[in-house]
Amino acid sequence: MKIRDALKNLTRFEKLLWISSCILVTMCFFLGAEKDAMTLIATLTGVSALIFVAKGNVLGQLLTILFSLLYGVIAFRFRYYGEMITYLGMTAPIALLSAISWMRNPYEAGKGEVRVAPMTKGKLWLLLGLTAAVTVLFYWILKAFHTARLMASTVSVFTSFLASGLMFLRSPFYAVAYAGNDVVLIVLWVLASLENPAYISMVLCFGIFLVNDIYGYVNWKRMERKQAKNSPLSGIGD
């Protein structure tokens, strides 16, 4: 995996989406009354990760790991222990496993694009069962930690685990689950920013994430159709 090649593979629209997203979050940071440098770095890292995940490029998973570490620290500062535990204990490890899975399942060698996998009923039911079990477990853990806005944090755990699982399974529907998670996090950080204006950039961050995740779903469906047309047997063995 070469960063130069990953950049070259971005379309003009994707470069525009990436650059405009970075400009928006940077403007919000400098215009805000209070400035938290880690929040800006985390936001820029997250936006960059989503662009490459939308391309099915493993670089996106590596950036997701970095974003998870930064976001976990930010969430800890605001006592959003659900977010901290979710991203440090779940999103980051699954992103690492996804990176390994994606590197082992390229669509074409040297193209920097993962092979989209079909979603079978067996995979879906197993993932839903694991997601339900993890959500119940995390509810009691978060309750024990007196997590702020417990129910919203629990819903975030559900959508995050589901999205991470779908990403590991190389399904386009990962983006749909992440879009749902974006909506939950927008609400959480709007409430946080009412208490501390420094976190307004996190609201914008997840608003931009929502736009990028919508594009991610569109592009993955495009990849799925292209791969099915060019390689009819691509799904065998998944």
Protein backbone atom coordinates (compact mmCIF):
# COMPACT_ATOMS: atom_id res chain seq x y z
CA MET A 1 0.00 0.00 0.00
CA LYS A 2 1.50 3.33 -1.12
CA ILE A 3 0.06 6.64 0.06
CA ARG A 4 0.97 8.25 -3.27
CA ASP A 5 -1.05 5.64 -5.16
CA ALA A 6 -3.99 6.06 -2.78
CA LEU A 7 -4.01 9.79 -3.47
CA LYS A 8 -3.75 9.28 -7.23
CA ASN A 9 -6.77 6.98 -7.20
CA LEU A 10 -9.05 9.68 -5.78
CA THR A 11 -11.46 11.16 -8.30
CA ARG A 12 -11.83 14.92 -8.74
CA PHE A 13 -15.08 14.84 -6.73
CA GLU A 14 -13.45 12.88 -3.91
CA LYS A 15 -10.54 15.32 -3.73
CA LEU A 16 -13.00 18.22 -3.64
CA LEU A 17 -15.05 16.52 -0.91
CA TRP A 18 -11.93 15.82 1.15
CA ILE A 19 -10.41 19.30 0.77
CA SER A 20 -13.69 21.13 1.38
CA SER A 21 -14.36 19.00 4.47
CA CYS A 22 -10.92 19.80 5.88
CA ILE A 23 -11.35 23.51 5.15
CA LEU A 24 -14.73 23.60 6.88
CA VAL A 25 -13.56 21.96 10.08
CA THR A 26 -10.42 24.12 10.16
CA MET A 27 -12.48 27.30 9.71
CA CYS A 28 -14.80 26.23 12.51
CA PHE A 29 -11.78 25.62 14.75
CA PHE A 30 -10.26 29.06 14.22
CA LEU A 31 -13.59 30.89 14.43
CA GLY A 32 -14.55 29.21 17.71
CA ALA A 33 -14.28 31.02 21.02
CA GLU A 34 -12.27 28.18 22.56
CA LYS A 35 -9.74 26.02 20.75
CA ASP A 36 -8.82 22.40 21.41
CA ALA A 37 -5.99 21.37 19.07
CA MET A 38 -6.60 17.65 19.62
CA THR A 39 -10.21 18.04 18.51
CA LEU A 40 -9.05 19.64 15.25
CA ILE A 41 -6.44 16.93 14.63
CA ALA A 42 -8.98 14.20 15.37
CA THR A 43 -11.53 15.76 13.04
CA LEU A 44 -9.08 16.10 10.15
CA THR A 45 -7.92 12.52 10.70
CA GLY A 46 -11.48 11.21 10.75
CA VAL A 47 -12.49 13.07 7.59
CA SER A 48 -9.41 11.72 5.81
CA ALA A 49 -10.15 8.19 7.00
CA LEU A 50 -13.68 8.28 5.61
CA ILE A 51 -12.51 9.32 2.14
CA PHE A 52 -10.21 6.31 1.84
CA VAL A 53 -12.67 3.92 3.46
CA ALA A 54 -15.22 5.06 0.88
CA LYS A 55 -12.67 4.09 -1.79
CA GLY A 56 -12.22 0.66 -0.22
CA ASN A 57 -8.57 1.49 0.46
CA VAL A 58 -6.86 0.01 3.50
CA LEU A 59 -5.29 3.39 4.30
CA GLY A 60 -8.74 4.38 5.53
CA GLN A 61 -8.62 1.65 8.18
CA LEU A 62 -5.19 2.75 9.41
CA LEU A 63 -6.42 6.34 9.73
CA THR A 64 -9.53 5.04 11.53
CA ILE A 65 -7.29 3.49 14.18
CA LEU A 66 -5.52 6.82 14.70
CA PHE A 67 -8.83 8.69 14.82
CA SER A 68 -10.21 6.23 17.39
CA LEU A 69 -7.25 6.86 19.71
CA LEU A 70 -7.62 10.63 19.47
CA TYR A 71 -11.40 10.56 19.78
CA GLY A 72 -11.20 8.27 22.79
CA VAL A 73 -9.12 10.85 24.65
CA ILE A 74 -11.55 13.65 23.72
CA ALA A 75 -14.55 11.60 24.85
CA PHE A 76 -12.82 10.82 28.16
CA ARG A 77 -12.36 14.53 28.82
CA PHE A 78 -16.10 15.09 28.55
CA ARG A 79 -17.07 11.95 30.49
CA TYR A 80 -18.58 10.31 27.41
CA TYR A 81 -17.24 7.01 28.63
CA GLY A 82 -19.43 5.13 26.19
CA GLU A 83 -17.72 6.83 23.28
CA MET A 84 -14.29 6.32 24.83
CA ILE A 85 -14.81 2.62 25.48
CA THR A 86 -16.49 2.10 22.11
CA TYR A 87 -13.73 3.66 20.05
CA LEU A 88 -10.74 2.44 22.08
CA GLY A 89 -12.07 -1.01 22.92
CA MET A 90 -14.12 -1.77 19.81
CA THR A 91 -13.71 0.52 16.80
CA ALA A 92 -9.89 0.62 16.87
CA PRO A 93 -9.40 -3.17 17.26
CA ILE A 94 -12.01 -3.95 14.59
CA ALA A 95 -10.38 -1.40 12.26
CA LEU A 96 -7.11 -3.28 12.74
CA LEU A 97 -8.79 -6.60 11.92
CA SER A 98 -10.51 -4.96 8.96
CA ALA A 99 -7.17 -3.65 7.67
CA ILE A 100 -5.79 -7.20 7.75
CA SER A 101 -8.93 -8.57 6.08
CA TRP A 102 -8.86 -5.89 3.36
CA MET A 103 -5.17 -6.49 2.61
CA ARG A 104 -5.90 -10.19 2.21
CA ASN A 105 -8.89 -9.59 -0.07
CA PRO A 106 -7.91 -7.06 -2.76
CA TYR A 107 -10.11 -6.72 -5.84
CA GLU A 108 -7.07 -6.50 -8.08
CA ALA A 109 -3.45 -6.62 -6.98
CA GLY A 110 -1.92 -3.16 -6.78
CA LYS A 111 -5.22 -1.33 -7.34
CA GLY A 112 -5.80 -0.32 -3.72
CA GLU A 113 -9.41 -1.46 -3.74
CA VAL A 114 -10.90 -4.13 -1.49
CA ARG A 115 -13.09 -6.88 -2.89
CA VAL A 116 -16.72 -6.31 -1.85
CA ALA A 117 -18.20 -9.40 -0.19
CA PRO A 118 -21.81 -10.61 -0.38
CA MET A 119 -23.90 -10.42 2.78
CA THR A 120 -25.39 -13.84 3.52
CA LYS A 121 -28.22 -14.53 5.96
CA GLY A 122 -25.82 -16.46 8.18
CA LYS A 123 -23.40 -13.54 8.43
CA LEU A 124 -26.22 -11.08 9.05
CA TRP A 125 -27.86 -13.04 11.86
CA LEU A 126 -24.51 -13.72 13.53
CA LEU A 127 -23.60 -10.04 13.38
CA LEU A 128 -27.00 -8.94 14.72
CA GLY A 129 -26.72 -11.42 17.57
CA LEU A 130 -23.22 -10.24 18.49
CA THR A 131 -24.31 -6.61 18.23
CA ALA A 132 -27.26 -7.18 20.58
CA ALA A 133 -25.07 -9.02 23.10
CA VAL A 134 -22.34 -6.35 23.04
CA THR A 135 -24.91 -3.55 23.38
CA VAL A 136 -26.50 -5.12 26.48
CA LEU A 137 -23.07 -5.72 28.02
CA PHE A 138 -21.94 -2.16 27.34
CA TYR A 139 -25.16 -0.74 28.77
CA TRP A 140 -24.38 -2.16 32.19
CA ILE A 141 -20.70 -1.19 31.94
CA LEU A 142 -21.59 2.38 31.00
CA LYS A 143 -24.22 2.55 33.71
CA ALA A 144 -21.62 1.49 36.27
CA PHE A 145 -19.35 4.31 35.07
CA HIS A 146 -22.22 6.83 35.47
CA THR A 147 -21.88 7.72 31.78
CA ALA A 148 -23.39 11.01 30.70
CA ARG A 149 -26.52 10.55 28.53
CA LEU A 150 -26.55 6.79 29.01
CA MET A 151 -29.24 5.85 26.48
CA ALA A 152 -27.73 7.88 23.65
CA SER A 153 -24.32 6.38 24.40
CA THR A 154 -25.83 2.89 24.35
CA VAL A 155 -27.43 3.52 20.96
CA SER A 156 -24.03 4.74 19.75
CA VAL A 157 -22.48 1.44 20.88
CA PHE A 158 -25.11 -0.49 18.90
CA THR A 159 -24.62 1.47 15.67
CA SER A 160 -20.81 1.57 16.01
CA PHE A 161 -20.45 -2.18 16.54
CA LEU A 162 -22.87 -2.95 13.71
CA ALA A 163 -21.00 -0.59 11.37
CA SER A 164 -17.59 -1.95 12.35
CA GLY A 165 -18.80 -5.51 11.84
CA LEU A 166 -20.21 -4.72 8.41
CA MET A 167 -16.94 -3.01 7.49
CA PHE A 168 -14.96 -6.09 8.56
CA LEU A 169 -17.30 -8.20 6.42
CA ARG A 170 -16.67 -5.83 3.48
CA SER A 171 -20.33 -4.90 3.06
CA PRO A 172 -21.52 -1.58 1.54
CA PHE A 173 -24.08 -1.35 4.36
CA TYR A 174 -21.31 -0.41 6.80
CA ALA A 175 -21.88 3.17 5.62
CA VAL A 176 -25.61 3.04 6.40
CA ALA A 177 -24.88 1.93 9.97
CA TYR A 178 -22.21 4.60 10.37
CA ALA A 179 -24.61 7.25 9.05
CA GLY A 180 -27.00 6.26 11.85
CA ASN A 181 -24.15 6.53 14.32
CA ASP A 182 -23.26 9.97 12.96
CA VAL A 183 -26.77 11.22 13.75
CA VAL A 184 -26.49 9.97 17.35
CA LEU A 185 -23.09 11.61 17.79
CA ILE A 186 -24.27 14.89 16.32
CA VAL A 187 -26.91 15.01 19.05
CA LEU A 188 -24.39 14.09 21.76
CA TRP A 189 -21.89 16.75 20.76
CA VAL A 190 -24.55 19.44 20.26
CA LEU A 191 -25.44 18.91 23.91
CA ALA A 192 -21.75 18.96 24.87
CA SER A 193 -21.10 22.18 22.93
CA LEU A 194 -23.89 23.91 24.84
CA GLU A 195 -21.71 23.47 27.92
CA ASN A 196 -18.34 24.02 26.22
CA PRO A 197 -18.15 25.84 22.84
CA ALA A 198 -14.80 24.15 22.13
CA TYR A 199 -16.75 21.06 21.04
CA ILE A 200 -18.72 22.78 18.28
CA SER A 201 -16.09 21.47 15.87
CA MET A 202 -17.05 17.92 16.86
CA VAL A 203 -20.64 18.65 15.79
CA LEU A 204 -19.36 19.80 12.43
CA CYS A 205 -17.03 16.81 12.36
CA PHE A 206 -19.85 14.31 12.54
CA GLY A 207 -22.01 16.37 10.20
CA ILE A 208 -19.24 16.04 7.63
CA PHE A 209 -18.87 12.38 8.54
CA LEU A 210 -22.55 11.93 7.71
CA VAL A 211 -22.05 13.41 4.23
CA ASN A 212 -18.97 11.24 3.68
CA ASP A 213 -20.72 8.09 4.87
CA ILE A 214 -23.58 8.72 2.47
CA TYR A 215 -21.01 9.02 -0.32
CA GLY A 216 -19.28 5.90 1.01
CA TYR A 217 -22.45 3.86 0.54
CA VAL A 218 -22.98 5.21 -2.98
CA ASN A 219 -19.38 4.45 -3.98
CA TRP A 220 -19.35 0.96 -2.45
CA LYS A 221 -22.52 0.07 -4.35
CA ARG A 222 -20.79 1.34 -7.48
CA MET A 223 -17.76 -0.82 -6.64
CA GLU A 224 -20.03 -3.80 -6.03
CA ARG A 225 -21.70 -3.46 -9.44
CA LYS A 226 -18.37 -2.97 -11.21
CA GLN A 227 -16.77 -5.97 -9.54
CA ALA A 228 -19.79 -8.17 -10.21
CA LYS A 229 -19.72 -7.17 -13.88
CA ASN A 230 -15.99 -7.64 -14.36
CA SER A 231 -15.51 -10.62 -12.04
CA PRO A 232 -18.72 -12.66 -11.82
CA LEU A 233 -17.10 -15.21 -9.50
CA SER A 234 -15.63 -12.64 -7.11
CA GLY A 235 -17.96 -13.60 -4.25
CA ILE A 236 -17.06 -17.30 -4.20
CA GLY A 237 -15.20 -18.35 -1.11
CA ASP A 238 -16.40 -15.53 1.14
